[in-house]
Amino acid sequence: MAGRRKRRTGDNTFVEVPDDLIWGINPVYEALDARSLSDIAVQRGKAGPRIQEIVDLAREYRVRLRFVEADRMGVPAGCRHQGVVARRAATVFLSFDRLLKAV
């Protein structure tokens, strides 16, 4: 079970959020590239090259991808999620090649 941590929102207040949530284009992209995500929510109507990269990588890595309305992103109001929110996987998955490189 994931814990909770306090995070600062866009209006400089603090809210408690689950430890397994990540939001923002760069943090989600880096976690996705490390293959440590279980699912990603993308806000409907958000577009751009970095969001498209996240969508393409998620499909390539077979990470569950959902397109949702802004109020369904799963983060407290005021959090600057930039249209992407992800949940960390309970375990990190490695390809066979990455596993061999790690040994």
PDB file of N, CA and C in Angstrom:
ATOM      1  N   MET A   1       0.844  -1.185   0.000  1.00  0.00           N
ATOM      2  CA  MET A   1       0.000   0.000   0.000  1.00  0.00           C
ATOM      3  C   MET A   1       0.882   1.238   0.000  1.00  0.00           C
ATOM      4  N   ALA A   2       0.550   2.162  -0.832  1.00  0.00           N
ATOM      5  CA  ALA A   2       1.343   3.374  -0.953  1.00  0.00           C
ATOM      6  C   ALA A   2       1.085   4.296   0.227  1.00  0.00           C
ATOM      7  N   GLY A   3       2.110   5.045   0.596  1.00  0.00           N
ATOM      8  CA  GLY A   3       1.975   6.039   1.649  1.00  0.00           C
ATOM      9  C   GLY A   3       1.475   7.347   1.070  1.00  0.00           C
ATOM     10  N   ARG A   4       1.565   8.385   1.881  1.00  0.00           N
ATOM     11  CA  ARG A   4       1.139   9.704   1.423  1.00  0.00           C
ATOM     12  C   ARG A   4       2.249  10.692   1.737  1.00  0.00           C
ATOM     13  N   ARG A   5       2.321  11.747   0.947  1.00  0.00           N
ATOM     14  CA  ARG A   5       3.297  12.795   1.195  1.00  0.00           C
ATOM     15  C   ARG A   5       2.635  14.140   0.922  1.00  0.00           C
ATOM     16  N   LYS A   6       3.195  15.190   1.478  1.00  0.00           N
ATOM     17  CA  LYS A   6       2.663  16.530   1.232  1.00  0.00           C
ATOM     18  C   LYS A   6       3.370  17.129   0.041  1.00  0.00           C
ATOM     19  N   ARG A   7       2.583  17.736  -0.845  1.00  0.00           N
ATOM     20  CA  ARG A   7       3.124  18.393  -2.038  1.00  0.00           C
ATOM     21  C   ARG A   7       2.549  19.798  -2.119  1.00  0.00           C
ATOM     22  N   ARG A   8       3.354  20.705  -2.616  1.00  0.00           N
ATOM     23  CA  ARG A   8       2.913  22.094  -2.793  1.00  0.00           C
ATOM     24  C   ARG A   8       2.113  22.194  -4.094  1.00  0.00           C
ATOM     25  N   THR A   9       0.992  22.908  -4.043  1.00  0.00           N
ATOM     26  CA  THR A   9       0.181  23.122  -5.240  1.00  0.00           C
ATOM     27  C   THR A   9       0.581  24.443  -5.882  1.00  0.00           C
ATOM     28  N   GLY A  10      -0.042  24.761  -6.999  1.00  0.00           N
ATOM     29  CA  GLY A  10       0.267  25.987  -7.719  1.00  0.00           C
ATOM     30  C   GLY A  10       0.000  27.250  -6.922  1.00  0.00           C
ATOM     31  N   ASP A  11      -0.913  27.198  -5.962  1.00  0.00           N
ATOM     32  CA  ASP A  11      -1.210  28.388  -5.164  1.00  0.00           C
ATOM     33  C   ASP A  11      -0.465  28.392  -3.833  1.00  0.00           C
ATOM     34  N   ASN A  12       0.625  27.617  -3.746  1.00  0.00           N
ATOM     35  CA  ASN A  12       1.515  27.551  -2.579  1.00  0.00           C
ATOM     36  C   ASN A  12       0.869  26.991  -1.320  1.00  0.00           C
ATOM     37  N   THR A  13      -0.184  26.211  -1.462  1.00  0.00           N
ATOM     38  CA  THR A  13      -0.718  25.483  -0.322  1.00  0.00           C
ATOM     39  C   THR A  13      -0.213  24.051  -0.403  1.00  0.00           C
ATOM     40  N   PHE A  14      -0.291  23.330   0.692  1.00  0.00           N
ATOM     41  CA  PHE A  14       0.159  21.946   0.716  1.00  0.00           C
ATOM     42  C   PHE A  14      -1.042  21.016   0.807  1.00  0.00           C
ATOM     43  N   VAL A  15      -0.986  19.919   0.047  1.00  0.00           N
ATOM     44  CA  VAL A  15      -2.024  18.895   0.090  1.00  0.00           C
ATOM     45  C   VAL A  15      -1.348  17.537   0.199  1.00  0.00           C
ATOM     46  N   GLU A  16      -2.057  16.564   0.744  1.00  0.00           N
ATOM     47  CA  GLU A  16      -1.520  15.205   0.813  1.00  0.00           C
ATOM     48  C   GLU A  16      -1.919  14.450  -0.443  1.00  0.00           C
ATOM     49  N   VAL A  17      -0.939  13.761  -1.024  1.00  0.00           N
ATOM     50  CA  VAL A  17      -1.180  12.954  -2.223  1.00  0.00           C
ATOM     51  C   VAL A  17      -0.526  11.593  -2.035  1.00  0.00           C
ATOM     52  N   PRO A  18      -1.032  10.571  -2.705  1.00  0.00           N
ATOM     53  CA  PRO A  18      -0.409   9.247  -2.606  1.00  0.00           C
ATOM     54  C   PRO A  18       1.028   9.270  -3.122  1.00  0.00           C
ATOM     55  N   ASP A  19       1.904   8.491  -2.485  1.00  0.00           N
ATOM     56  CA  ASP A  19       3.313   8.408  -2.883  1.00  0.00           C
ATOM     57  C   ASP A  19       3.501   7.904  -4.300  1.00  0.00           C
ATOM     58  N   ASP A  20       2.555   7.130  -4.800  1.00  0.00           N
ATOM     59  CA  ASP A  20       2.762   6.503  -6.105  1.00  0.00           C
ATOM     60  C   ASP A  20       2.313   7.363  -7.285  1.00  0.00           C
ATOM     61  N   LEU A  21       1.879   8.605  -7.041  1.00  0.00           N
ATOM     62  CA  LEU A  21       1.476   9.489  -8.139  1.00  0.00           C
ATOM     63  C   LEU A  21       2.634  10.373  -8.586  1.00  0.00           C
ATOM     64  N   ILE A  22       2.748  10.534  -9.898  1.00  0.00           N
ATOM     65  CA  ILE A  22       3.746  11.419 -10.506  1.00  0.00           C
ATOM     66  C   ILE A  22       2.990  12.284 -11.496  1.00  0.00           C
ATOM     67  N   TRP A  23       3.289  13.571 -11.546  1.00  0.00           N
ATOM     68  CA  TRP A  23       2.641  14.400 -12.547  1.00  0.00           C
ATOM     69  C   TRP A  23       3.613  15.407 -13.121  1.00  0.00           C
ATOM     70  N   GLY A  24       3.260  15.884 -14.316  1.00  0.00           N
ATOM     71  CA  GLY A  24       4.116  16.802 -15.052  1.00  0.00           C
ATOM     72  C   GLY A  24       4.789  16.069 -16.200  1.00  0.00           C
ATOM     73  N   ILE A  25       4.999  16.765 -17.294  1.00  0.00           N
ATOM     74  CA  ILE A  25       5.522  16.137 -18.505  1.00  0.00           C
ATOM     75  C   ILE A  25       6.889  15.500 -18.280  1.00  0.00           C
ATOM     76  N   ASN A  26       7.850  16.250 -17.754  1.00  0.00           N
ATOM     77  CA  ASN A  26       9.198  15.691 -17.592  1.00  0.00           C
ATOM     78  C   ASN A  26       9.269  14.559 -16.572  1.00  0.00           C
ATOM     79  N   PRO A  27       8.685  14.701 -15.371  1.00  0.00           N
ATOM     80  CA  PRO A  27       8.735  13.580 -14.426  1.00  0.00           C
ATOM     81  C   PRO A  27       8.076  12.308 -14.963  1.00  0.00           C
ATOM     82  N   VAL A  28       6.932  12.463 -15.636  1.00  0.00           N
ATOM     83  CA  VAL A  28       6.247  11.290 -16.189  1.00  0.00           C
ATOM     84  C   VAL A  28       7.080  10.670 -17.307  1.00  0.00           C
ATOM     85  N   TYR A  29       7.659  11.498 -18.173  1.00  0.00           N
ATOM     86  CA  TYR A  29       8.481  10.973 -19.267  1.00  0.00           C
ATOM     87  C   TYR A  29       9.670  10.182 -18.722  1.00  0.00           C
ATOM     88  N   GLU A  30      10.371  10.732 -17.734  1.00  0.00           N
ATOM     89  CA  GLU A  30      11.542  10.046 -17.167  1.00  0.00           C
ATOM     90  C   GLU A  30      11.149   8.726 -16.506  1.00  0.00           C
ATOM     91  N   ALA A  31      10.051   8.725 -15.759  1.00  0.00           N
ATOM     92  CA  ALA A  31       9.604   7.485 -15.115  1.00  0.00           C
ATOM     93  C   ALA A  31       9.158   6.464 -16.150  1.00  0.00           C
ATOM     94  N   LEU A  32       8.533   6.922 -17.210  1.00  0.00           N
ATOM     95  CA  LEU A  32       8.107   6.021 -18.278  1.00  0.00           C
ATOM     96  C   LEU A  32       9.316   5.421 -18.981  1.00  0.00           C
ATOM     97  N   ASP A  33      10.318   6.251 -19.256  1.00  0.00           N
ATOM     98  CA  ASP A  33      11.533   5.767 -19.913  1.00  0.00           C
ATOM     99  C   ASP A  33      12.254   4.741 -19.041  1.00  0.00           C
ATOM    100  N   ALA A  34      12.135   4.887 -17.723  1.00  0.00           N
ATOM    101  CA  ALA A  34      12.732   3.917 -16.798  1.00  0.00           C
ATOM    102  C   ALA A  34      11.845   2.686 -16.625  1.00  0.00           C
ATOM    103  N   ARG A  35      10.702   2.707 -17.291  1.00  0.00           N
ATOM    104  CA  ARG A  35       9.730   1.603 -17.247  1.00  0.00           C
ATOM    105  C   ARG A  35       9.257   1.297 -15.828  1.00  0.00           C
ATOM    106  N   SER A  36       8.932   2.345 -15.104  1.00  0.00           N
ATOM    107  CA  SER A  36       8.497   2.147 -13.728  1.00  0.00           C
ATOM    108  C   SER A  36       7.061   2.610 -13.487  1.00  0.00           C
ATOM    109  N   LEU A  37       6.233   2.643 -14.546  1.00  0.00           N
ATOM    110  CA  LEU A  37       4.851   3.100 -14.409  1.00  0.00           C
ATOM    111  C   LEU A  37       3.857   1.991 -14.707  1.00  0.00           C
ATOM    112  N   SER A  38       2.723   2.041 -14.013  1.00  0.00           N
ATOM    113  CA  SER A  38       1.671   1.063 -14.280  1.00  0.00           C
ATOM    114  C   SER A  38       0.582   1.643 -15.174  1.00  0.00           C
ATOM    115  N   ASP A  39       0.284   2.937 -15.031  1.00  0.00           N
ATOM    116  CA  ASP A  39      -0.702   3.559 -15.915  1.00  0.00           C
ATOM    117  C   ASP A  39      -0.491   5.065 -15.982  1.00  0.00           C
ATOM    118  N   ILE A  40      -1.005   5.651 -17.059  1.00  0.00           N
ATOM    119  CA  ILE A  40      -0.856   7.083 -17.308  1.00  0.00           C
ATOM    120  C   ILE A  40      -2.214   7.647 -17.701  1.00  0.00           C
ATOM    121  N   ALA A  41      -2.550   8.805 -17.130  1.00  0.00           N
ATOM    122  CA  ALA A  41      -3.754   9.539 -17.521  1.00  0.00           C
ATOM    123  C   ALA A  41      -3.314  10.794 -18.264  1.00  0.00           C
ATOM    124  N   VAL A  42      -3.882  11.001 -19.449  1.00  0.00           N
ATOM    125  CA  VAL A  42      -3.601  12.189 -20.254  1.00  0.00           C
ATOM    126  C   VAL A  42      -4.892  12.991 -20.348  1.00  0.00           C
ATOM    127  N   GLN A  43      -4.799  14.281 -20.099  1.00  0.00           N
ATOM    128  CA  GLN A  43      -5.982  15.138 -20.155  1.00  0.00           C
ATOM    129  C   GLN A  43      -6.457  15.283 -21.589  1.00  0.00           C
ATOM    130  N   ARG A  44      -7.757  15.057 -21.797  1.00  0.00           N
ATOM    131  CA  ARG A  44      -8.346  15.237 -23.135  1.00  0.00           C
ATOM    132  C   ARG A  44      -8.119  16.676 -23.600  1.00  0.00           C
ATOM    133  N   GLY A  45      -7.771  16.805 -24.866  1.00  0.00           N
ATOM    134  CA  GLY A  45      -7.571  18.128 -25.434  1.00  0.00           C
ATOM    135  C   GLY A  45      -6.150  18.650 -25.307  1.00  0.00           C
ATOM    136  N   LYS A  46      -5.338  18.030 -24.459  1.00  0.00           N
ATOM    137  CA  LYS A  46      -3.937  18.445 -24.341  1.00  0.00           C
ATOM    138  C   LYS A  46      -3.162  17.847 -25.494  1.00  0.00           C
ATOM    139  N   ALA A  47      -2.309  18.645 -26.086  1.00  0.00           N
ATOM    140  CA  ALA A  47      -1.512  18.162 -27.208  1.00  0.00           C
ATOM    141  C   ALA A  47      -0.154  18.836 -27.177  1.00  0.00           C
ATOM    142  N   GLY A  48       0.748  18.274 -27.911  1.00  0.00           N
ATOM    143  CA  GLY A  48       2.093  18.820 -27.996  1.00  0.00           C
ATOM    144  C   GLY A  48       3.067  17.691 -28.245  1.00  0.00           C
ATOM    145  N   PRO A  49       4.262  18.017 -28.711  1.00  0.00           N
ATOM    146  CA  PRO A  49       5.223  16.964 -29.046  1.00  0.00           C
ATOM    147  C   PRO A  49       5.636  16.104 -27.854  1.00  0.00           C
ATOM    148  N   ARG A  50       5.808  16.696 -26.672  1.00  0.00           N
ATOM    149  CA  ARG A  50       6.231  15.912 -25.501  1.00  0.00           C
ATOM    150  C   ARG A  50       5.104  14.996 -25.020  1.00  0.00           C
ATOM    151  N   ILE A  51       3.876  15.475 -25.049  1.00  0.00           N
ATOM    152  CA  ILE A  51       2.754  14.616 -24.663  1.00  0.00           C
ATOM    153  C   ILE A  51       2.618  13.480 -25.666  1.00  0.00           C
ATOM    154  N   GLN A  52       2.799  13.772 -26.945  1.00  0.00           N
ATOM    155  CA  GLN A  52       2.729  12.717 -27.957  1.00  0.00           C
ATOM    156  C   GLN A  52       3.837  11.686 -27.751  1.00  0.00           C
ATOM    157  N   GLU A  53       5.038  12.133 -27.355  1.00  0.00           N
ATOM    158  CA  GLU A  53       6.125  11.189 -27.051  1.00  0.00           C
ATOM    159  C   GLU A  53       5.725  10.260 -25.911  1.00  0.00           C
ATOM    160  N   ILE A  54       5.095  10.821 -24.882  1.00  0.00           N
ATOM    161  CA  ILE A  54       4.648  10.013 -23.743  1.00  0.00           C
ATOM    162  C   ILE A  54       3.613   8.991 -24.199  1.00  0.00           C
ATOM    163  N   VAL A  55       2.654   9.426 -25.003  1.00  0.00           N
ATOM    164  CA  VAL A  55       1.620   8.517 -25.514  1.00  0.00           C
ATOM    165  C   VAL A  55       2.254   7.405 -26.346  1.00  0.00           C
ATOM    166  N   ASP A  56       3.170   7.766 -27.243  1.00  0.00           N
ATOM    167  CA  ASP A  56       3.823   6.766 -28.100  1.00  0.00           C
ATOM    168  C   ASP A  56       4.640   5.769 -27.286  1.00  0.00           C
ATOM    169  N   LEU A  57       5.418   6.267 -26.313  1.00  0.00           N
ATOM    170  CA  LEU A  57       6.218   5.364 -25.470  1.00  0.00           C
ATOM    171  C   LEU A  57       5.328   4.457 -24.632  1.00  0.00           C
ATOM    172  N   ALA A  58       4.243   5.019 -24.094  1.00  0.00           N
ATOM    173  CA  ALA A  58       3.322   4.212 -23.290  1.00  0.00           C
ATOM    174  C   ALA A  58       2.762   3.067 -24.122  1.00  0.00           C
ATOM    175  N   ARG A  59       2.408   3.348 -25.348  1.00  0.00           N
ATOM    176  CA  ARG A  59       1.892   2.286 -26.226  1.00  0.00           C
ATOM    177  C   ARG A  59       2.981   1.266 -26.542  1.00  0.00           C
ATOM    178  N   GLU A  60       4.188   1.745 -26.821  1.00  0.00           N
ATOM    179  CA  GLU A  60       5.298   0.837 -27.124  1.00  0.00           C
ATOM    180  C   GLU A  60       5.625  -0.063 -25.934  1.00  0.00           C
ATOM    181  N   TYR A  61       5.614   0.503 -24.723  1.00  0.00           N
ATOM    182  CA  TYR A  61       5.943  -0.260 -23.512  1.00  0.00           C
ATOM    183  C   TYR A  61       4.737  -0.979 -22.919  1.00  0.00           C
ATOM    184  N   ARG A  62       3.589  -0.828 -23.571  1.00  0.00           N
ATOM    185  CA  ARG A  62       2.336  -1.450 -23.128  1.00  0.00           C
ATOM    186  C   ARG A  62       1.925  -1.014 -21.711  1.00  0.00           C
ATOM    187  N   VAL A  63       2.065   0.277 -21.466  1.00  0.00           N
ATOM    188  CA  VAL A  63       1.610   0.863 -20.206  1.00  0.00           C
ATOM    189  C   VAL A  63       0.171   1.312 -20.424  1.00  0.00           C
ATOM    190  N   ARG A  64      -0.694   1.020 -19.484  1.00  0.00           N
ATOM    191  CA  ARG A  64      -2.109   1.396 -19.598  1.00  0.00           C
ATOM    192  C   ARG A  64      -2.212   2.908 -19.772  1.00  0.00           C
ATOM    193  N   LEU A  65      -2.983   3.332 -20.752  1.00  0.00           N
ATOM    194  CA  LEU A  65      -3.106   4.740 -21.107  1.00  0.00           C
ATOM    195  C   LEU A  65      -4.577   5.118 -21.104  1.00  0.00           C
ATOM    196  N   ARG A  66      -4.910   6.197 -20.411  1.00  0.00           N
ATOM    197  CA  ARG A  66      -6.298   6.671 -20.358  1.00  0.00           C
ATOM    198  C   ARG A  66      -6.335   8.147 -20.745  1.00  0.00           C
ATOM    199  N   PHE A  67      -7.353   8.538 -21.492  1.00  0.00           N
ATOM    200  CA  PHE A  67      -7.577   9.937 -21.829  1.00  0.00           C
ATOM    201  C   PHE A  67      -8.800  10.385 -21.046  1.00  0.00           C
ATOM    202  N   VAL A  68      -8.608  11.363 -20.151  1.00  0.00           N
ATOM    203  CA  VAL A  68      -9.664  11.741 -19.210  1.00  0.00           C
ATOM    204  C   VAL A  68      -9.862  13.256 -19.194  1.00  0.00           C
ATOM    205  N   GLU A  69     -11.009  13.664 -18.651  1.00  0.00           N
ATOM    206  CA  GLU A  69     -11.293  15.091 -18.471  1.00  0.00           C
ATOM    207  C   GLU A  69     -10.402  15.642 -17.353  1.00  0.00           C
ATOM    208  N   ALA A  70     -10.200  16.947 -17.351  1.00  0.00           N
ATOM    209  CA  ALA A  70      -9.302  17.594 -16.387  1.00  0.00           C
ATOM    210  C   ALA A  70      -9.677  17.290 -14.940  1.00  0.00           C
ATOM    211  N   ASP A  71     -10.970  17.216 -14.643  1.00  0.00           N
ATOM    212  CA  ASP A  71     -11.390  16.967 -13.262  1.00  0.00           C
ATOM    213  C   ASP A  71     -11.262  15.501 -12.854  1.00  0.00           C
ATOM    214  N   ARG A  72     -10.834  14.644 -13.762  1.00  0.00           N
ATOM    215  CA  ARG A  72     -10.659  13.216 -13.483  1.00  0.00           C
ATOM    216  C   ARG A  72      -9.185  12.808 -13.470  1.00  0.00           C
ATOM    217  N   MET A  73      -8.283  13.772 -13.369  1.00  0.00           N
ATOM    218  CA  MET A  73      -6.852  13.478 -13.448  1.00  0.00           C
ATOM    219  C   MET A  73      -6.325  12.752 -12.207  1.00  0.00           C
ATOM    220  N   GLY A  74      -7.024  12.876 -11.094  1.00  0.00           N
ATOM    221  CA  GLY A  74      -6.608  12.137  -9.904  1.00  0.00           C
ATOM    222  C   GLY A  74      -5.627  12.864  -9.004  1.00  0.00           C
ATOM    223  N   VAL A  75      -5.418  14.155  -9.245  1.00  0.00           N
ATOM    224  CA  VAL A  75      -4.562  14.957  -8.368  1.00  0.00           C
ATOM    225  C   VAL A  75      -5.398  16.086  -7.784  1.00  0.00           C
ATOM    226  N   PRO A  76      -5.007  16.606  -6.626  1.00  0.00           N
ATOM    227  CA  PRO A  76      -5.777  17.684  -6.012  1.00  0.00           C
ATOM    228  C   PRO A  76      -5.823  18.933  -6.892  1.00  0.00           C
ATOM    229  N   ALA A  77      -6.888  19.691  -6.754  1.00  0.00           N
ATOM    230  CA  ALA A  77      -7.017  20.950  -7.495  1.00  0.00           C
ATOM    231  C   ALA A  77      -5.828  21.841  -7.175  1.00  0.00           C
ATOM    232  N   GLY A  78      -5.335  22.517  -8.179  1.00  0.00           N
ATOM    233  CA  GLY A  78      -4.205  23.420  -7.982  1.00  0.00           C
ATOM    234  C   GLY A  78      -2.863  22.809  -8.326  1.00  0.00           C
ATOM    235  N   CYS A  79      -2.808  21.481  -8.478  1.00  0.00           N
ATOM    236  CA  CYS A  79      -1.550  20.828  -8.855  1.00  0.00           C
ATOM    237  C   CYS A  79      -1.302  21.070 -10.337  1.00  0.00           C
ATOM    238  N   ARG A  80      -0.116  21.464 -10.679  1.00  0.00           N
ATOM    239  CA  ARG A  80       0.223  21.754 -12.080  1.00  0.00           C
ATOM    240  C   ARG A  80       0.672  20.472 -12.765  1.00  0.00           C
ATOM    241  N   HIS A  81      -0.290  19.724 -13.262  1.00  0.00           N
ATOM    242  CA  HIS A  81       0.015  18.410 -13.837  1.00  0.00           C
ATOM    243  C   HIS A  81       0.383  18.465 -15.310  1.00  0.00           C
ATOM    244  N   GLN A  82       0.211  19.599 -15.970  1.00  0.00           N
ATOM    245  CA  GLN A  82       0.553  19.785 -17.382  1.00  0.00           C
ATOM    246  C   GLN A  82      -0.153  18.788 -18.303  1.00  0.00           C
ATOM    247  N   GLY A  83      -1.247  18.213 -17.823  1.00  0.00           N
ATOM    248  CA  GLY A  83      -2.018  17.302 -18.659  1.00  0.00           C
ATOM    249  C   GLY A  83      -1.614  15.849 -18.584  1.00  0.00           C
ATOM    250  N   VAL A  84      -0.660  15.509 -17.704  1.00  0.00           N
ATOM    251  CA  VAL A  84      -0.242  14.104 -17.566  1.00  0.00           C
ATOM    252  C   VAL A  84      -0.034  13.742 -16.098  1.00  0.00           C
ATOM    253  N   VAL A  85      -0.643  12.623 -15.704  1.00  0.00           N
ATOM    254  CA  VAL A  85      -0.488  12.076 -14.357  1.00  0.00           C
ATOM    255  C   VAL A  85      -0.246  10.586 -14.503  1.00  0.00           C
ATOM    256  N   ALA A  86       0.701  10.062 -13.736  1.00  0.00           N
ATOM    257  CA  ALA A  86       1.021   8.636 -13.835  1.00  0.00           C
ATOM    258  C   ALA A  86       1.066   8.007 -12.452  1.00  0.00           C
ATOM    259  N   ARG A  87       0.901   6.715 -12.439  1.00  0.00           N
ATOM    260  CA  ARG A  87       0.999   5.937 -11.200  1.00  0.00           C
ATOM    261  C   ARG A  87       2.200   5.014 -11.329  1.00  0.00           C
ATOM    262  N   ARG A  88       3.040   5.030 -10.293  1.00  0.00           N
ATOM    263  CA  ARG A  88       4.218   4.159 -10.290  1.00  0.00           C
ATOM    264  C   ARG A  88       3.808   2.703 -10.175  1.00  0.00           C
ATOM    265  N   ALA A  89       4.544   1.853 -10.857  1.00  0.00           N
ATOM    266  CA  ALA A  89       4.310   0.412 -10.760  1.00  0.00           C
ATOM    267  C   ALA A  89       4.847  -0.083  -9.424  1.00  0.00           C
ATOM    268  N   ALA A  90       4.237  -1.138  -8.910  1.00  0.00           N
ATOM    269  CA  ALA A  90       4.711  -1.729  -7.659  1.00  0.00           C
ATOM    270  C   ALA A  90       6.105  -2.319  -7.838  1.00  0.00           C
ATOM    271  N   THR A  91       6.404  -2.785  -9.042  1.00  0.00           N
ATOM    272  CA  THR A  91       7.726  -3.315  -9.361  1.00  0.00           C
ATOM    273  C   THR A  91       8.193  -2.703 -10.670  1.00  0.00           C
ATOM    274  N   VAL A  92       9.487  -2.653 -10.854  1.00  0.00           N
ATOM    275  CA  VAL A  92      10.057  -2.123 -12.088  1.00  0.00           C
ATOM    276  C   VAL A  92      10.315  -3.281 -13.033  1.00  0.00           C
ATOM    277  N   PHE A  93       9.889  -3.118 -14.276  1.00  0.00           N
ATOM    278  CA  PHE A  93      10.073  -4.160 -15.270  1.00  0.00           C
ATOM    279  C   PHE A  93      11.278  -3.839 -16.133  1.00  0.00           C
ATOM    280  N   LEU A  94      12.139  -4.817 -16.340  1.00  0.00           N
ATOM    281  CA  LEU A  94      13.316  -4.654 -17.177  1.00  0.00           C
ATOM    282  C   LEU A  94      13.238  -5.586 -18.366  1.00  0.00           C
ATOM    283  N   SER A  95      13.701  -5.086 -19.499  1.00  0.00           N
ATOM    284  CA  SER A  95      13.832  -5.975 -20.651  1.00  0.00           C
ATOM    285  C   SER A  95      15.013  -6.902 -20.377  1.00  0.00           C
ATOM    286  N   PHE A  96      15.097  -7.982 -21.107  1.00  0.00           N
ATOM    287  CA  PHE A  96      16.194  -8.925 -20.923  1.00  0.00           C
ATOM    288  C   PHE A  96      17.537  -8.236 -21.158  1.00  0.00           C
ATOM    289  N   ASP A  97      17.610  -7.389 -22.190  1.00  0.00           N
ATOM    290  CA  ASP A  97      18.853  -6.668 -22.488  1.00  0.00           C
ATOM    291  C   ASP A  97      19.259  -5.740 -21.346  1.00  0.00           C
ATOM    292  N   ARG A  98      18.306  -5.015 -20.783  1.00  0.00           N
ATOM    293  CA  ARG A  98      18.613  -4.124 -19.658  1.00  0.00           C
ATOM    294  C   ARG A  98      19.042  -4.918 -18.434  1.00  0.00           C
ATOM    295  N   LEU A  99      18.429  -6.068 -18.237  1.00  0.00           N
ATOM    296  CA  LEU A  99      18.805  -6.915 -17.112  1.00  0.00           C
ATOM    297  C   LEU A  99      20.244  -7.386 -17.256  1.00  0.00           C
ATOM    298  N   LEU A 100      20.622  -7.801 -18.458  1.00  0.00           N
ATOM    299  CA  LEU A 100      21.998  -8.245 -18.691  1.00  0.00           C
ATOM    300  C   LEU A 100      22.996  -7.112 -18.482  1.00  0.00           C
ATOM    301  N   LYS A 101      22.642  -5.906 -18.899  1.00  0.00           N
ATOM    302  CA  LYS A 101      23.532  -4.760 -18.706  1.00  0.00           C
ATOM    303  C   LYS A 101      23.701  -4.422 -17.231  1.00  0.00           C
ATOM    304  N   ALA A 102      22.673  -4.679 -16.446  1.00  0.00           N
ATOM    305  CA  ALA A 102      22.718  -4.365 -15.020  1.00  0.00           C
ATOM    306  C   ALA A 102      23.563  -5.347 -14.228  1.00  0.00           C
ATOM    307  N   VAL A 103      23.831  -6.515 -14.794  1.00  0.00           N
ATOM    308  CA  VAL A 103      24.590  -7.546 -14.067  1.00  0.00           C
ATOM    309  C   VAL A 103      26.064  -7.343 -14.236  1.00  0.00           C
TER     310      VAL A 103
END
